[in-house]
Amino acid sequence: MPDNVLEAVGLHRAYGSVRAVDDVSFTLPEGGSLGIVGESGSGKTTTARIIVGLEQADAGDVLVRGQARGARRRGRAARLARAREVQMVFQDPLLSLDPRASVEQVLRETLSLHFPDADHDRRVRELLDQVGLGTRAADARPRQLSGGQRQRVAIARALAVEPAVLVLDEAVAALDVSVQAQILNLLADIREETRIGYLFITHDLGVVRCVTDDVIVMRRGRVVEAGPTAEVLAAPRHPYTRLLLESVPRPGWDPEAIAAARRAL
């Protein structure tokens, strides 16, 4: 069995009287892919931000390769090493890419910060090839690229630091269906090549079904169901999970009935 590359243990996060994350625990094995699914307000994005370090949990621990990420690390090198452990890819890469910088400059800046003595020319070419862009895209600025190409750049930048875990927060939600499939296939290939662990944050059960091994379902900050993806989606035990599955549009779908069922839960 592979070792767990990521563990979340009893995470809690409250905003006033609202418990955004309420005793959330899960594990992610090396090379594994875990989906966290739920509607807006379920706590999935807050959980992701805690994992990455963008927010601090009120209680609980996040461990990467057995080491607590909350532990204070002294010195610049130690802080950079912590930053490399977990990287995040957001829904809209335009918000995180410098509009003035070319693709090559974006990658070189990251490499120079984390690996100042490395062969950056070679590594830039490797990263562009790894995400299916090629060197012709190196001189382009973000707004000269399509949405799918920009997301490939964001993925390449995250991979540049060789993270143990890649958190993907609705990373394909803004893309056309055909482009979604291309990015998801790319991510599957990268996982097979690198053994990186994926944490998918999404409301899209189609994405969960396609690219995750295991899934946890969150509602109002708590985990209401967890298990292998195929089993959870084929035979959900919790009423909320069944409601999510019934909410997927299909012939005969009745959104008013779904809304009434949601209010009754």
Protein backbone atom coordinates (compact mmCIF):
# COMPACT_ATOMS: atom_id res chain seq x y z
CA MET A 1 0.00 0.00 0.00
CA PRO A 2 1.34 3.49 -0.80
CA ASP A 3 2.15 5.83 2.07
CA ASN A 4 -0.18 8.73 2.74
CA VAL A 5 1.26 11.89 1.25
CA LEU A 6 -1.42 14.07 2.89
CA GLU A 7 -3.47 13.75 6.06
CA ALA A 8 -6.09 16.09 7.44
CA VAL A 9 -6.92 15.38 11.08
CA GLY A 10 -9.93 16.94 12.81
CA LEU A 11 -9.91 20.29 10.98
CA HIS A 12 -12.12 23.04 12.37
CA ARG A 13 -12.66 26.58 11.08
CA ALA A 14 -15.39 28.97 12.23
CA TYR A 15 -16.37 32.47 11.19
CA GLY A 16 -18.30 33.80 14.15
CA SER A 17 -21.16 31.37 14.73
CA VAL A 18 -20.77 29.70 11.33
CA ARG A 19 -18.80 26.44 11.36
CA ALA A 20 -17.31 26.46 7.88
CA VAL A 21 -15.22 23.35 8.55
CA ASP A 22 -16.36 21.06 11.35
CA ASP A 23 -14.15 18.08 12.28
CA VAL A 24 -12.98 17.20 8.77
CA SER A 25 -10.49 14.32 8.40
CA PHE A 26 -9.21 12.44 5.36
CA THR A 27 -6.08 10.88 3.88
CA LEU A 28 -4.54 11.00 0.42
CA PRO A 29 -2.06 8.28 -0.60
CA GLU A 30 0.95 8.97 -2.76
CA GLY A 31 -0.18 9.02 -6.38
CA GLY A 32 -3.82 9.05 -5.26
CA SER A 33 -6.68 11.31 -6.29
CA LEU A 34 -9.32 12.42 -3.78
CA GLY A 35 -12.41 14.47 -4.58
CA ILE A 36 -14.08 16.81 -2.12
CA VAL A 37 -17.56 17.49 -3.36
CA GLY A 38 -20.42 19.64 -2.15
CA GLU A 39 -22.54 22.65 -3.00
CA SER A 40 -21.51 26.25 -2.47
CA GLY A 41 -21.17 26.85 1.26
CA SER A 42 -20.40 23.21 2.06
CA GLY A 43 -16.91 24.05 3.33
CA LYS A 44 -14.92 22.38 0.57
CA THR A 45 -13.03 25.48 -0.56
CA THR A 46 -12.25 26.55 3.02
CA THR A 47 -10.87 23.06 3.60
CA ALA A 48 -8.69 23.41 0.50
CA ARG A 49 -7.38 26.79 1.64
CA ILE A 50 -6.42 25.31 4.99
CA ILE A 51 -4.58 22.45 3.27
CA VAL A 52 -2.61 24.89 1.12
CA GLY A 53 -1.93 27.26 4.01
CA LEU A 54 -3.96 30.22 2.79
CA GLU A 55 -6.08 29.96 5.94
CA GLN A 56 -5.31 28.76 9.44
CA ALA A 57 -7.45 26.08 11.07
CA ASP A 58 -8.86 26.85 14.50
CA ALA A 59 -8.04 23.26 15.46
CA GLY A 60 -6.71 20.11 13.82
CA ASP A 61 -3.61 19.25 11.83
CA VAL A 62 -2.49 18.98 8.21
CA LEU A 63 0.42 16.61 7.61
CA VAL A 64 2.44 16.16 4.43
CA ARG A 65 4.54 13.01 4.40
CA GLY A 66 3.93 12.75 8.13
CA GLN A 67 5.15 16.26 9.00
CA ALA A 68 2.71 18.83 10.36
CA ARG A 69 2.44 21.85 8.08
CA GLY A 70 1.45 24.01 11.02
CA ALA A 71 4.87 23.55 12.59
CA ARG A 72 6.94 26.74 12.56
CA ARG A 73 9.89 26.56 10.19
CA ARG A 74 12.88 28.81 10.61
CA GLY A 75 14.78 30.35 7.75
CA ARG A 76 14.00 31.18 4.14
CA ALA A 77 14.99 27.76 2.80
CA ALA A 78 12.65 26.00 5.22
CA ARG A 79 9.76 28.31 4.34
CA LEU A 80 10.29 27.75 0.62
CA ALA A 81 10.42 23.99 1.20
CA ARG A 82 7.06 24.21 2.99
CA ALA A 83 5.59 26.21 0.11
CA ARG A 84 6.73 23.54 -2.35
CA GLU A 85 4.89 20.75 -0.53
CA VAL A 86 1.39 21.74 -1.65
CA GLN A 87 0.48 23.80 -4.70
CA MET A 88 -2.93 25.04 -5.81
CA VAL A 89 -4.54 25.56 -9.23
CA PHE A 90 -7.52 27.91 -9.20
CA GLN A 91 -10.61 28.12 -11.38
CA ASP A 92 -9.50 31.32 -13.13
CA PRO A 93 -5.74 31.38 -13.88
CA LEU A 94 -5.96 35.02 -15.02
CA LEU A 95 -6.29 36.01 -11.37
CA SER A 96 -2.98 34.38 -10.49
CA LEU A 97 -0.90 34.99 -13.64
CA ASP A 98 0.93 38.29 -14.19
CA PRO A 99 -0.69 39.75 -17.35
CA ARG A 100 2.60 41.47 -18.25
CA ALA A 101 4.73 38.32 -18.09
CA SER A 102 5.18 35.77 -20.84
CA VAL A 103 4.69 32.08 -20.17
CA GLU A 104 8.45 31.60 -20.08
CA GLN A 105 8.89 34.47 -17.62
CA VAL A 106 6.20 33.02 -15.35
CA LEU A 107 7.99 29.68 -15.21
CA ARG A 108 11.47 31.18 -14.88
CA GLU A 109 10.39 33.35 -11.96
CA THR A 110 9.11 30.32 -10.07
CA LEU A 111 12.19 28.24 -10.88
CA SER A 112 14.57 31.05 -9.93
CA LEU A 113 12.90 31.42 -6.53
CA HIS A 114 12.90 27.74 -5.62
CA PHE A 115 15.80 26.27 -7.62
CA PRO A 116 18.27 29.11 -8.30
CA ASP A 117 21.09 26.78 -9.35
CA ALA A 118 19.10 24.60 -11.76
CA ASP A 119 19.20 24.60 -15.57
CA HIS A 120 16.16 26.79 -16.14
CA ASP A 121 16.27 26.60 -19.94
CA ARG A 122 15.97 22.83 -19.87
CA ARG A 123 13.33 22.81 -17.11
CA VAL A 124 11.13 25.38 -18.89
CA ARG A 125 11.15 23.23 -22.01
CA GLU A 126 10.30 20.14 -19.95
CA LEU A 127 7.38 21.86 -18.23
CA LEU A 128 5.93 23.22 -21.46
CA ASP A 129 6.15 19.77 -23.00
CA GLN A 130 4.69 18.13 -19.90
CA VAL A 131 1.51 20.21 -20.10
CA GLY A 132 1.23 19.95 -23.87
CA LEU A 133 2.03 23.54 -24.80
CA GLY A 134 5.39 23.35 -26.53
CA THR A 135 7.95 26.11 -26.90
CA ARG A 136 5.82 28.15 -29.32
CA ALA A 137 3.69 29.29 -26.37
CA ALA A 138 6.72 30.48 -24.38
CA ASP A 139 6.53 34.09 -25.60
CA ALA A 140 2.77 34.50 -25.22
CA ARG A 141 1.11 36.59 -22.50
CA PRO A 142 -1.89 35.16 -20.60
CA ARG A 143 -4.51 37.13 -22.55
CA GLN A 144 -3.09 35.83 -25.82
CA LEU A 145 -3.93 32.28 -24.76
CA SER A 146 -7.19 30.37 -24.64
CA GLY A 147 -8.74 29.39 -21.32
CA GLY A 148 -7.45 25.85 -21.64
CA GLN A 149 -3.94 27.05 -22.49
CA ARG A 150 -3.91 29.41 -19.51
CA GLN A 151 -4.89 26.55 -17.23
CA ARG A 152 -2.03 24.49 -18.66
CA VAL A 153 0.33 27.34 -17.77
CA ALA A 154 -1.04 27.42 -14.22
CA ILE A 155 -0.53 23.66 -13.94
CA ALA A 156 3.02 23.95 -15.31
CA ARG A 157 3.87 26.65 -12.76
CA ALA A 158 2.55 24.48 -9.93
CA LEU A 159 4.49 21.46 -11.17
CA ALA A 160 7.68 23.54 -11.46
CA VAL A 161 8.29 23.30 -7.71
CA GLU A 162 7.78 19.50 -7.71
CA PRO A 163 5.00 19.43 -5.09
CA ALA A 164 3.84 16.37 -3.20
CA VAL A 165 0.19 17.46 -3.50
CA LEU A 166 -1.67 19.46 -6.12
CA VAL A 167 -4.96 21.02 -5.00
CA LEU A 168 -7.31 21.79 -7.90
CA ASP A 169 -10.12 24.13 -6.85
CA GLU A 170 -12.82 23.95 -9.55
CA ALA A 171 -9.89 23.96 -11.98
CA VAL A 172 -11.94 22.97 -15.04
CA ALA A 173 -15.29 24.52 -14.12
CA ALA A 174 -14.89 27.54 -16.41
CA LEU A 175 -13.81 25.54 -19.47
CA ASP A 176 -15.85 24.13 -22.34
CA VAL A 177 -16.67 20.44 -22.00
CA SER A 178 -14.22 19.38 -24.71
CA VAL A 179 -11.42 21.43 -23.13
CA GLN A 180 -12.32 20.04 -19.70
CA ALA A 181 -11.74 16.54 -21.05
CA GLN A 182 -8.35 17.53 -22.45
CA ILE A 183 -7.20 19.03 -19.13
CA LEU A 184 -8.48 16.07 -17.12
CA ASN A 185 -6.69 13.64 -19.45
CA LEU A 186 -3.53 15.73 -19.08
CA LEU A 187 -3.80 15.60 -15.29
CA ALA A 188 -4.30 11.83 -15.39
CA ASP A 189 -1.14 11.43 -17.47
CA ILE A 190 0.87 13.67 -15.13
CA ARG A 191 -0.28 11.73 -12.08
CA GLU A 192 0.79 8.47 -13.68
CA GLU A 193 4.20 9.92 -14.57
CA THR A 194 4.98 11.73 -11.31
CA ARG A 195 2.99 9.95 -8.55
CA ILE A 196 1.80 13.35 -7.35
CA GLY A 197 -1.29 13.35 -5.13
CA TYR A 198 -4.38 15.24 -6.35
CA LEU A 199 -7.05 16.90 -4.24
CA PHE A 200 -9.99 17.90 -6.46
CA ILE A 201 -12.38 20.49 -5.03
CA THR A 202 -15.51 20.48 -7.17
CA HIS A 203 -19.28 20.48 -7.33
CA ASP A 204 -19.17 18.50 -10.60
CA LEU A 205 -19.85 14.81 -10.04
CA GLY A 206 -18.78 14.12 -13.63
CA VAL A 207 -15.29 15.36 -12.80
CA VAL A 208 -15.27 13.32 -9.59
CA ARG A 209 -16.32 10.19 -11.45
CA CYS A 210 -13.69 10.73 -14.13
CA VAL A 211 -10.53 11.52 -12.19
CA THR A 212 -10.76 10.52 -8.52
CA ASP A 213 -10.15 7.25 -6.72
CA ASP A 214 -11.95 8.28 -3.54
CA VAL A 215 -14.43 11.00 -2.61
CA ILE A 216 -15.71 12.76 0.46
CA VAL A 217 -19.04 14.59 0.44
CA MET A 218 -19.34 17.73 2.54
CA ARG A 219 -22.43 19.53 3.75
CA ARG A 220 -22.49 22.51 6.12
CA GLY A 221 -18.86 22.02 7.01
CA ARG A 222 -19.02 18.33 7.83
CA VAL A 223 -18.18 15.14 5.97
CA VAL A 224 -21.45 13.24 5.49
CA GLU A 225 -20.13 10.42 3.31
CA ALA A 226 -16.76 9.07 2.21
CA GLY A 227 -15.40 6.10 0.32
CA PRO A 228 -14.19 4.84 -3.06
CA THR A 229 -15.66 7.06 -5.77
CA ALA A 230 -17.26 4.26 -7.77
CA GLU A 231 -19.01 2.85 -4.70
CA VAL A 232 -20.24 6.20 -3.35
CA LEU A 233 -21.67 7.29 -6.70
CA ALA A 234 -23.20 3.89 -7.47
CA ALA A 235 -24.82 3.34 -4.07
CA PRO A 236 -24.83 6.53 -1.97
CA ARG A 237 -25.85 6.00 1.64
CA HIS A 238 -26.49 9.57 2.76
CA PRO A 239 -29.63 11.43 1.57
CA TYR A 240 -27.53 14.49 0.68
CA THR A 241 -25.28 12.46 -1.61
CA ARG A 242 -28.34 11.01 -3.31
CA LEU A 243 -29.72 14.53 -3.71
CA LEU A 244 -26.49 15.69 -5.38
CA LEU A 245 -26.72 12.82 -7.84
CA GLU A 246 -30.38 13.55 -8.52
CA SER A 247 -29.50 17.21 -9.14
CA VAL A 248 -27.50 16.36 -12.28
CA PRO A 249 -29.66 17.44 -15.28
CA ARG A 250 -31.03 14.55 -17.34
CA PRO A 251 -34.23 13.68 -19.25
CA GLY A 252 -37.21 14.09 -16.94
CA TRP A 253 -35.21 16.15 -14.46
CA ASP A 254 -37.40 18.29 -12.17
CA PRO A 255 -35.40 21.17 -10.60
CA GLU A 256 -38.35 22.29 -8.45
CA ALA A 257 -38.60 18.85 -6.87
CA ILE A 258 -34.87 18.84 -6.24
CA ALA A 259 -35.05 22.26 -4.58
CA ALA A 260 -37.91 21.09 -2.36
CA ALA A 261 -35.94 17.99 -1.35
CA ARG A 262 -32.90 20.13 -0.54
CA ARG A 263 -34.99 22.38 1.76
CA ALA A 264 -36.36 19.31 3.55
CA LEU A 265 -32.91 17.95 4.44
